[in-house]
């Protein structure tokens, strides 16, 4: 676009002065030609005496018939000596005659254009020196001259358009050469996040073919740098996932053995060490829970090698409500389900086990932290493309300034009480994002917390 604007300005800067120059040059030739004709008749009039007037009239008639232009030759008193094709009494003609008798040249056109006046009055004095014996007035037609100017302007405009068209073709080709690799790079940038979800798991993905880079050298270098950075980030992320999974796997068996030994030891612990043994058991259980959650989180963050056919969200919600109902009642809370949905299918693009794990994590948090007397609401809303589900409670909630961090790993709100690993919402977010969805955590008024899950809907 910038190149086209610049080219248009340059072409106009050349074409407009050229068009003006053509108009001036044609006006000069027109003026010289008609002035020469007027001077001819002035010389002829100065040589003719009264007996030669018929010969002068014949010359005037021939010129008028040949060029279809009016002409008049007058004496020093302004009386017509020869006249043909000209309205002698017109005001502008009389004004031109008066000026010529004062030895003044008329207002000659300095430039012509297709819309200039159709005629111009050309005058010449009869006589020599300061002695003026009469005048010649020629009403010259500018039709031919204006036609020539119009033709020249059309040629100039056509040439300008041809130049602009050529520049446009070059600009489009150049822009595509520059923009195409940038567009490809932009696509890679936008798909960078999805690359971790859409490709095969690490270790099973085929080695990609080297990308073909084109465009200017700077763009090619930028593309290479981005791809190298993307590969490094992907490798680092994969290494982090493997480290978490391997560490959790490595800790699971020793922790299980430690738990068994601690239970055996509990049978021989003296009464004075019972409390210390109990706390040790709780810490081992807590560490085991952290390891299990880390394994679940690592699995949730690992791209799946198969596409899920989805699950019925309504069936999962009903199953989880029934499963958790006794725990909710035992905690002194109540639970109810709210739905706004059509008769259409409520399937989401997530395996049933993953959606079950999400609701287990959300209902576990609500049961632990909402407190006795709180109400738990489970809801679902269906739209054309998505299904939104939520779990909310009327407990103490989370401070507003901590809401953006509640899904971070190992984060525990300042209002949290009791045990917990701080990984529950991290697992929920990882599972939702792997299925192409998202989560939103917001405070509920006047108190409480609402966690909303949005998942793509499976359209039959």
Protein backbone atom coordinates (compact mmCIF):
# COMPACT_ATOMS: atom_id res chain seq x y z
CA UNK A 1 0.00 0.00 0.00
CA UNK A 2 2.80 2.43 0.89
CA UNK A 3 4.59 1.58 -2.35
CA UNK A 4 1.41 2.20 -4.35
CA UNK A 5 0.81 5.56 -2.66
CA UNK A 6 4.40 6.59 -3.27
CA UNK A 7 4.23 5.45 -6.90
CA UNK A 8 0.94 7.31 -7.43
CA UNK A 9 2.43 10.51 -6.03
CA UNK A 10 5.51 10.17 -8.26
CA UNK A 11 3.45 9.42 -11.39
CA UNK A 12 1.12 12.35 -10.70
CA UNK A 13 4.11 14.59 -10.04
CA UNK A 14 5.35 13.74 -13.54
CA UNK A 15 2.06 13.46 -15.42
CA UNK A 16 0.42 16.69 -14.24
CA UNK A 17 3.32 19.01 -15.19
CA UNK A 18 3.63 17.17 -18.51
CA UNK A 19 -0.08 17.71 -19.21
CA UNK A 20 0.24 21.42 -18.34
CA UNK A 21 3.31 21.69 -20.58
CA UNK A 22 1.40 20.12 -23.48
CA UNK A 23 -1.44 22.62 -23.01
CA UNK A 24 0.96 25.56 -23.00
CA UNK A 25 2.93 24.31 -26.00
CA UNK A 26 -0.24 23.78 -28.04
CA UNK A 27 -1.54 27.24 -27.02
CA UNK A 28 1.74 28.77 -28.15
CA UNK A 29 1.56 27.08 -31.56
CA UNK A 30 -2.09 28.07 -31.90
CA UNK A 31 -1.32 31.70 -31.03
CA UNK A 32 1.67 31.88 -33.35
CA UNK A 33 -0.32 30.41 -36.24
CA UNK A 34 -3.32 32.71 -35.85
CA UNK A 35 -1.16 35.75 -35.12
CA UNK A 36 0.70 35.08 -38.36
CA UNK A 37 -2.65 34.98 -40.21
CA UNK A 38 -3.77 38.25 -38.60
CA UNK A 39 -0.41 39.86 -39.44
CA UNK A 40 -0.78 38.70 -43.05
CA UNK A 41 -4.10 40.48 -43.37
CA UNK A 42 -2.67 43.54 -41.61
CA UNK A 43 0.15 43.71 -44.18
CA UNK A 44 -2.33 43.13 -46.98
CA UNK A 45 -4.55 45.91 -45.65
CA UNK A 46 -1.66 48.36 -45.35
CA UNK A 47 -0.75 47.82 -49.03
CA UNK A 48 -4.28 48.13 -50.37
CA UNK A 49 -5.81 51.49 -51.19
CA UNK A 50 -9.49 52.13 -51.59
CA UNK A 51 -9.50 50.65 -55.05
CA UNK A 52 -8.11 47.41 -53.62
CA UNK A 53 -10.82 46.83 -51.07
CA UNK A 54 -12.62 44.22 -53.21
CA UNK A 55 -9.38 42.22 -53.41
CA UNK A 56 -8.99 42.43 -49.62
CA UNK A 57 -12.59 41.30 -49.19
CA UNK A 58 -11.96 38.32 -51.46
CA UNK A 59 -8.97 37.25 -49.36
CA UNK A 60 -10.99 37.61 -46.16
CA UNK A 61 -13.86 35.57 -47.63
CA UNK A 62 -11.54 32.78 -48.77
CA UNK A 63 -9.91 32.56 -45.35
CA UNK A 64 -13.25 32.53 -43.54
CA UNK A 65 -14.65 29.83 -45.81
CA UNK A 66 -11.49 27.73 -45.57
CA UNK A 67 -11.02 27.82 -41.79
CA UNK A 68 -14.61 28.60 -40.72
CA UNK A 69 -13.35 31.54 -38.67
CA UNK A 70 -14.64 35.12 -38.62
CA UNK A 71 -12.33 38.00 -39.58
CA UNK A 72 -12.64 41.78 -39.92
CA UNK A 73 -10.28 44.46 -41.24
CA UNK A 74 -11.08 48.02 -40.10
CA UNK A 75 -9.64 51.46 -40.82
CA UNK A 76 -8.27 53.90 -38.28
CA UNK A 77 -11.81 55.08 -37.52
CA UNK A 78 -12.99 51.58 -36.70
CA UNK A 79 -15.05 51.25 -39.86
CA UNK A 80 -15.04 47.85 -41.55
CA UNK A 81 -12.99 47.64 -44.73
CA UNK A 82 -13.48 43.87 -45.12
CA UNK A 83 -15.69 41.58 -43.05
CA UNK A 84 -16.60 37.87 -43.16
CA UNK A 85 -18.15 35.49 -40.63
CA UNK A 86 -17.82 37.86 -37.67
CA UNK A 87 -20.48 39.70 -35.67
CA UNK A 88 -18.93 43.14 -35.99
CA UNK A 89 -21.19 44.76 -33.39
CA UNK A 90 -20.38 42.36 -30.54
CA UNK A 91 -19.02 44.10 -27.46
CA UNK A 92 -15.92 41.91 -27.17
CA UNK A 93 -15.16 42.44 -30.89
CA UNK A 94 -15.46 46.22 -30.53
CA UNK A 95 -13.27 46.11 -27.42
CA UNK A 96 -10.63 44.09 -29.31
CA UNK A 97 -10.74 46.57 -32.24
CA UNK A 98 -10.31 49.52 -29.88
CA UNK A 99 -7.28 47.88 -28.29
CA UNK A 100 -5.71 47.07 -31.66
CA UNK A 101 -6.17 50.68 -32.85
CA UNK A 102 -4.16 51.69 -29.78
CA UNK A 103 -1.44 49.31 -30.98
CA UNK A 104 -2.25 46.80 -28.20
CA UNK A 105 -2.21 43.05 -28.54
CA UNK A 106 -5.24 41.22 -27.22
CA UNK A 107 -5.33 38.73 -24.34
CA UNK A 108 -3.81 35.68 -25.97
CA UNK A 109 -4.42 32.23 -24.36
CA UNK A 110 -1.34 31.11 -22.42
CA UNK A 111 -2.57 27.53 -22.11
CA UNK A 112 -5.26 25.33 -23.60
CA UNK A 113 -7.27 22.47 -22.14
CA UNK A 114 -10.17 20.39 -23.46
CA UNK A 115 -12.60 22.67 -21.62
CA UNK A 116 -11.11 26.03 -22.73
CA UNK A 117 -13.28 28.55 -24.63
CA UNK A 118 -14.19 27.50 -28.16
CA UNK A 119 -12.87 30.74 -29.76
CA UNK A 120 -10.22 33.36 -29.13
CA UNK A 121 -9.95 36.90 -30.55
CA UNK A 122 -6.57 37.54 -32.21
CA UNK A 123 -5.77 41.17 -33.19
CA UNK A 124 -3.05 42.89 -35.19
CA UNK A 125 -2.62 46.62 -36.00
CA UNK A 126 -2.46 47.78 -39.62
CA UNK A 127 0.50 50.03 -40.33
CA UNK A 128 4.07 50.33 -39.18
CA UNK A 129 5.86 51.90 -36.26
CA UNK A 130 3.67 54.20 -34.21
CA UNK A 131 1.36 54.94 -37.13
CA UNK A 132 -1.76 52.76 -36.87
CA UNK A 133 -3.95 52.89 -39.97
CA UNK A 134 -6.40 50.21 -38.92
CA UNK A 135 -6.71 46.82 -37.29
CA UNK A 136 -7.38 43.14 -38.00
CA UNK A 137 -9.60 41.07 -35.68
CA UNK A 138 -9.59 37.29 -36.13
CA UNK A 139 -12.02 35.08 -34.21
CA UNK A 140 -9.97 31.88 -34.20
CA UNK A 141 -11.51 28.51 -33.37
CA UNK A 142 -9.69 26.52 -30.65
CA UNK A 143 -11.52 23.26 -31.45
CA UNK A 144 -8.63 21.58 -33.22
CA UNK A 145 -6.10 22.74 -30.63
CA UNK A 146 -8.29 21.60 -27.74
CA UNK A 147 -8.78 18.24 -29.45
CA UNK A 148 -5.01 17.84 -29.75
CA UNK A 149 -4.58 18.68 -26.08
CA UNK A 150 -7.31 16.22 -25.11
CA UNK A 151 -5.69 13.46 -27.16
CA UNK A 152 -2.31 14.17 -25.60
CA UNK A 153 -3.82 14.14 -22.13
CA UNK A 154 -5.49 10.78 -22.83
CA UNK A 155 -2.13 9.38 -23.91
CA UNK A 156 -0.48 10.78 -20.76
CA UNK A 157 -3.26 9.38 -18.55
CA UNK A 158 -3.02 6.00 -20.28
CA UNK A 159 0.72 5.94 -19.80
CA UNK A 160 0.33 6.89 -16.14
CA UNK A 161 -2.24 4.14 -15.60
CA UNK A 162 0.00 1.64 -17.37
CA UNK A 163 2.91 2.62 -15.15
CA UNK A 164 0.71 2.35 -12.04
CA UNK A 165 -0.60 -1.04 -13.18
CA UNK A 166 2.97 -2.24 -13.72
CA UNK A 167 3.98 -0.92 -10.31
CA UNK A 168 0.91 -2.59 -8.77
CA UNK A 169 1.85 -5.95 -10.27
CA UNK A 170 5.42 -5.55 -9.04
CA UNK A 171 4.18 -4.38 -5.63
CA UNK A 172 1.83 -7.35 -5.28
CA UNK A 173 4.57 -9.79 -6.26
CA UNK A 174 7.02 -8.10 -3.90
CA UNK A 175 4.46 -7.96 -1.08
CA UNK A 176 3.65 -11.64 -1.47
CA UNK A 177 7.34 -12.44 -1.46
CA UNK A 178 7.71 -10.54 1.81
CA UNK A 179 4.34 -11.28 3.45
CA UNK A 180 4.02 -14.99 2.62
CA UNK A 181 6.83 -16.08 4.96
CA UNK A 182 5.56 -13.65 7.61
CA UNK A 183 2.08 -15.17 7.31
CA UNK A 184 3.56 -18.64 7.64
CA UNK A 185 5.55 -17.49 10.66
CA UNK A 186 2.43 -15.94 12.18
CA UNK A 187 0.57 -19.23 11.71
CA UNK A 188 3.37 -21.08 13.46
CA UNK A 189 3.29 -18.55 16.31
CA UNK A 190 -0.49 -18.90 16.76
CA UNK A 191 -0.33 -22.68 16.59
CA UNK A 192 2.67 -22.84 18.91
CA UNK A 193 0.52 -23.38 21.99
CA UNK A 194 -1.71 -25.87 20.22
CA UNK A 195 1.35 -27.73 19.01
CA UNK A 196 1.72 -29.27 22.46
CA UNK A 197 -1.86 -30.53 22.36
CA UNK A 198 -2.30 -31.58 18.77
CA UNK A 199 0.85 -33.55 18.04
CA UNK A 200 1.80 -37.02 19.28
CA UNK A 201 3.36 -37.42 22.72
CA UNK A 202 7.09 -36.87 23.11
CA UNK A 203 8.96 -39.92 21.96
CA UNK A 204 6.26 -40.92 19.46
CA UNK A 205 6.27 -37.82 17.27
CA UNK A 206 8.03 -38.23 13.92
CA UNK A 207 11.01 -36.01 13.24
CA UNK A 208 9.69 -33.03 11.25
CA UNK A 209 11.15 -32.21 7.90
CA UNK A 210 13.26 -29.04 7.82
CA UNK A 211 11.11 -26.04 6.97
CA UNK A 212 11.64 -24.33 3.61
CA UNK A 213 12.26 -20.65 4.23
CA UNK A 214 11.69 -17.97 1.62
CA UNK A 215 11.32 -14.21 1.51
CA UNK A 216 13.91 -11.54 2.33
CA UNK A 217 17.03 -12.65 4.22
CA UNK A 218 15.86 -10.92 7.42
CA UNK A 219 12.52 -12.76 7.34
CA UNK A 220 14.23 -16.10 6.65
CA UNK A 221 16.55 -15.53 9.59
CA UNK A 222 13.59 -14.59 11.82
CA UNK A 223 11.75 -17.77 10.80
CA UNK A 224 14.79 -19.92 11.55
CA UNK A 225 15.26 -18.22 14.92
CA UNK A 226 11.61 -18.73 15.86
CA UNK A 227 11.62 -22.40 14.86
CA UNK A 228 14.81 -22.95 16.83
CA UNK A 229 13.27 -21.23 19.85
CA UNK A 230 10.07 -23.28 19.47
CA UNK A 231 12.08 -26.49 19.35
CA UNK A 232 14.01 -25.47 22.47
CA UNK A 233 10.82 -24.57 24.34
CA UNK A 234 9.16 -27.80 23.26
CA UNK A 235 12.16 -29.85 24.31
CA UNK A 236 12.36 -28.05 27.66
CA UNK A 237 8.64 -28.55 28.28
CA UNK A 238 8.86 -32.22 27.38
CA UNK A 239 11.87 -32.63 29.67
CA UNK A 240 9.96 -30.93 32.48
CA UNK A 241 6.99 -33.25 32.00
CA UNK A 242 9.23 -36.30 31.98
CA UNK A 243 11.04 -35.08 35.09
CA UNK A 244 7.78 -34.60 37.00
CA UNK A 245 6.40 -37.95 35.87
CA UNK A 246 9.66 -39.83 36.49
CA UNK A 247 10.11 -38.23 39.91
CA UNK A 248 6.56 -39.05 40.93
CA UNK A 249 6.94 -42.63 39.73
CA UNK A 250 10.26 -42.95 41.55
CA UNK A 251 8.74 -41.67 44.80
CA UNK A 252 5.55 -43.70 44.67
CA UNK A 253 7.02 -47.09 45.61
CA UNK A 254 9.32 -45.82 48.41
CA UNK A 255 6.40 -43.89 49.89
CA UNK A 256 4.20 -46.98 49.76
CA UNK A 257 6.91 -48.99 51.50
CA UNK A 258 7.39 -46.21 54.05
CA UNK A 259 3.65 -46.19 54.76
CA UNK A 260 3.63 -49.94 55.35
CA UNK A 261 6.65 -49.78 57.64
CA UNK A 262 5.14 -46.89 59.52
CA UNK A 263 1.93 -48.89 60.04
CA UNK A 264 3.95 -51.87 61.30
CA UNK A 265 5.94 -49.58 63.54
CA UNK A 266 2.71 -48.16 64.92
CA UNK A 267 1.94 -51.45 66.61
CA UNK A 268 5.11 -51.11 68.72
CA UNK A 269 5.13 -47.37 69.37
CA UNK A 270 4.91 -46.53 73.09
CA UNK A 271 2.03 -44.38 74.20
CA UNK A 272 4.30 -41.37 74.67
CA UNK A 273 5.19 -41.42 70.93
CA UNK A 274 1.68 -42.03 69.63
CA UNK A 275 1.10 -38.38 68.64
CA UNK A 276 4.44 -38.18 66.82
CA UNK A 277 3.59 -41.40 64.97
CA UNK A 278 0.19 -40.03 64.01
CA UNK A 279 1.71 -36.85 62.61
CA UNK A 280 4.30 -38.85 60.72
CA UNK A 281 1.54 -40.95 59.19
CA UNK A 282 -0.34 -37.80 58.14
CA UNK A 283 2.77 -36.35 56.50
CA UNK A 284 3.43 -39.59 54.64
CA UNK A 285 -0.18 -39.62 53.46
CA UNK A 286 0.08 -35.97 52.42
CA UNK A 287 3.30 -36.62 50.51
CA UNK A 288 1.69 -39.64 48.84
CA UNK A 289 -1.26 -37.45 47.81
CA UNK A 290 1.12 -34.88 46.32
CA UNK A 291 2.90 -37.61 44.35
CA UNK A 292 -0.39 -39.00 43.06
CA UNK A 293 -1.59 -35.53 42.06
CA UNK A 294 1.72 -34.85 40.29
CA UNK A 295 1.27 -38.04 38.31
CA UNK A 296 -2.27 -37.01 37.39
CA UNK A 297 -1.08 -33.51 36.44
CA UNK A 298 1.76 -34.90 34.32
CA UNK A 299 -0.71 -37.16 32.53
CA UNK A 300 -3.13 -34.25 32.03
CA UNK A 301 -0.39 -32.09 30.50
CA UNK A 302 0.79 -34.84 28.16
CA UNK A 303 -0.82 -34.67 24.71
CA UNK A 304 -3.05 -37.60 23.92
CA UNK A 305 -2.15 -39.82 20.98
CA UNK A 306 -5.81 -40.62 20.27
CA UNK A 307 -8.85 -38.49 19.64
CA UNK A 308 -11.61 -38.87 22.21
CA UNK A 309 -15.18 -39.50 21.08
CA UNK A 310 -16.33 -37.44 24.06
CA UNK A 311 -18.74 -38.20 26.85
CA UNK A 312 -22.22 -37.27 28.03
CA UNK A 313 -21.68 -34.39 30.45
CA UNK A 314 -25.14 -34.80 31.97
CA UNK A 315 -24.50 -38.43 32.83
CA UNK A 316 -21.14 -37.59 34.42
CA UNK A 317 -22.68 -34.80 36.50
CA UNK A 318 -25.48 -37.07 37.72
CA UNK A 319 -23.00 -39.82 38.61
CA UNK A 320 -20.70 -37.46 40.54
CA UNK A 321 -23.58 -35.84 42.43
CA UNK A 322 -24.74 -39.26 43.57
CA UNK A 323 -21.18 -40.30 44.50
CA UNK A 324 -20.47 -37.17 46.55
CA UNK A 325 -23.91 -36.76 48.11
CA UNK A 326 -23.05 -38.69 51.29
CA UNK A 327 -19.79 -36.76 51.79
CA UNK A 328 -21.61 -33.46 51.26
CA UNK A 329 -24.30 -34.38 53.80
CA UNK A 330 -21.66 -35.55 56.28
CA UNK A 331 -19.95 -32.16 55.95
CA UNK A 332 -23.23 -30.42 56.80
CA UNK A 333 -23.79 -29.00 53.32
CA UNK A 334 -26.44 -29.28 50.63
CA UNK A 335 -26.05 -29.73 46.88
CA UNK A 336 -28.41 -29.07 44.00
CA UNK A 337 -28.13 -29.16 40.20
CA UNK A 338 -29.19 -26.30 37.91
CA UNK A 339 -29.34 -26.69 34.13
CA UNK A 340 -30.26 -24.40 31.25
CA UNK A 341 -30.15 -26.55 28.16
CA UNK A 342 -32.00 -27.55 25.05
CA UNK A 343 -33.11 -31.02 24.09
CA UNK A 344 -29.94 -31.46 22.04
CA UNK A 345 -27.08 -33.77 22.94
CA UNK A 346 -24.86 -32.60 25.81
CA UNK A 347 -21.70 -34.46 24.78
CA UNK A 348 -18.34 -32.73 25.20
CA UNK A 349 -14.96 -33.38 23.58
CA UNK A 350 -13.43 -34.93 26.67
CA UNK A 351 -13.08 -38.53 27.88
CA UNK A 352 -15.48 -39.47 30.63
CA UNK A 353 -12.63 -40.29 33.03
CA UNK A 354 -11.18 -36.79 32.64
CA UNK A 355 -14.53 -35.07 33.23
CA UNK A 356 -15.09 -37.32 36.25
CA UNK A 357 -11.69 -36.30 37.62
CA UNK A 358 -12.58 -32.62 37.12
CA UNK A 359 -15.83 -32.85 39.08
CA UNK A 360 -14.16 -34.96 41.78
CA UNK A 361 -11.52 -32.24 42.23
CA UNK A 362 -14.09 -29.42 42.31
CA UNK A 363 -16.49 -31.21 44.68
CA UNK A 364 -13.58 -32.26 46.90
CA UNK A 365 -12.48 -28.63 47.22
CA UNK A 366 -16.02 -27.46 47.94
CA UNK A 367 -16.51 -30.15 50.58
CA UNK A 368 -13.18 -29.36 52.25
CA UNK A 369 -13.20 -25.58 52.24
CA UNK A 370 -16.78 -24.28 51.97
CA UNK A 371 -17.66 -25.20 55.55
CA UNK A 372 -20.76 -26.56 57.24
CA UNK A 373 -24.02 -24.87 56.31
CA UNK A 374 -22.83 -23.95 52.81
CA UNK A 375 -24.75 -24.68 49.64
CA UNK A 376 -23.08 -26.27 46.61
CA UNK A 377 -24.52 -25.63 43.17
CA UNK A 378 -23.67 -27.68 40.10
CA UNK A 379 -24.86 -26.27 36.79
CA UNK A 380 -24.69 -26.81 33.06
CA UNK A 381 -25.55 -24.54 30.14
CA UNK A 382 -25.51 -25.61 26.48
CA UNK A 383 -24.82 -23.37 23.48
CA UNK A 384 -24.32 -24.10 19.80
CA UNK A 385 -20.57 -24.67 20.08
CA UNK A 386 -19.83 -25.07 23.80
CA UNK A 387 -21.10 -26.58 27.00
CA UNK A 388 -20.43 -24.62 30.17
CA UNK A 389 -20.45 -26.40 33.54
CA UNK A 390 -19.77 -24.98 36.96
CA UNK A 391 -19.48 -25.79 40.64
CA UNK A 392 -20.08 -22.97 43.10
CA UNK A 393 -20.43 -22.72 46.85
CA UNK A 394 -21.42 -20.17 49.49
CA UNK A 395 -18.33 -20.67 51.65
CA UNK A 396 -15.69 -18.07 52.55
CA UNK A 397 -14.36 -18.05 48.99
CA UNK A 398 -10.98 -16.68 47.90
CA UNK A 399 -9.73 -13.07 48.21
CA UNK A 400 -10.11 -11.20 44.93
CA UNK A 401 -6.38 -10.50 44.61
CA UNK A 402 -5.66 -14.24 44.83
CA UNK A 403 -8.18 -15.35 42.18
CA UNK A 404 -5.71 -15.14 39.23
CA UNK A 405 -3.36 -17.55 41.05
CA UNK A 406 -5.76 -20.21 42.31
CA UNK A 407 -5.03 -22.54 39.37
CA UNK A 408 -1.25 -22.28 39.78
CA UNK A 409 0.63 -25.31 41.01
CA UNK A 410 0.86 -25.72 44.78
CA UNK A 411 -1.03 -22.46 45.42
CA UNK A 412 -3.27 -22.46 48.47
CA UNK A 413 -5.52 -19.54 49.24
CA UNK A 414 -5.09 -17.68 52.50
CA UNK A 415 -8.62 -18.74 53.48
CA UNK A 416 -7.91 -22.46 52.93
CA UNK A 417 -8.15 -24.70 55.96
CA UNK A 418 -7.20 -28.34 56.38
CA UNK A 419 -4.97 -30.49 54.22
CA UNK A 420 -4.52 -30.23 50.47
CA UNK A 421 -1.84 -30.41 47.81
CA UNK A 422 -2.59 -27.18 45.93
CA UNK A 423 -2.75 -29.12 42.65
CA UNK A 424 -6.50 -29.69 42.26
CA UNK A 425 -7.34 -26.68 40.09
CA UNK A 426 -4.04 -27.07 38.19
CA UNK A 427 -5.21 -30.54 37.17
CA UNK A 428 -8.65 -29.18 36.25
CA UNK A 429 -7.13 -26.48 34.03
CA UNK A 430 -4.71 -28.90 32.34
CA UNK A 431 -7.50 -31.37 31.55
CA UNK A 432 -9.80 -28.62 30.24
CA UNK A 433 -7.13 -27.08 28.02
CA UNK A 434 -6.08 -30.46 26.64
CA UNK A 435 -9.68 -30.93 25.46
CA UNK A 436 -9.70 -27.48 23.84
CA UNK A 437 -11.62 -25.80 26.66
CA UNK A 438 -10.89 -23.37 29.46
CA UNK A 439 -11.71 -22.61 33.08
CA UNK A 440 -12.72 -19.41 34.85
CA UNK A 441 -12.62 -18.82 38.59
CA UNK A 442 -14.62 -15.95 40.05
CA UNK A 443 -15.92 -14.80 43.39
CA UNK A 444 -19.56 -15.36 44.18
CA UNK A 445 -21.62 -12.65 45.83
CA UNK A 446 -22.02 -12.15 48.73
CA UNK A 447 -19.52 -14.92 49.48
CA UNK A 448 -18.26 -18.11 47.96
CA UNK A 449 -16.41 -19.30 44.89
CA UNK A 450 -17.53 -20.31 41.40
CA UNK A 451 -15.37 -22.44 39.08
CA UNK A 452 -16.64 -22.56 35.50
CA UNK A 453 -15.52 -25.10 32.89
CA UNK A 454 -16.13 -24.45 29.18
CA UNK A 455 -15.67 -27.39 26.81
CA UNK A 456 -16.33 -27.74 23.07
CA UNK A 457 -19.57 -29.50 22.33
CA UNK A 458 -19.72 -32.62 20.18
CA UNK A 459 -22.18 -31.85 17.40
CA UNK A 460 -23.99 -34.91 16.11
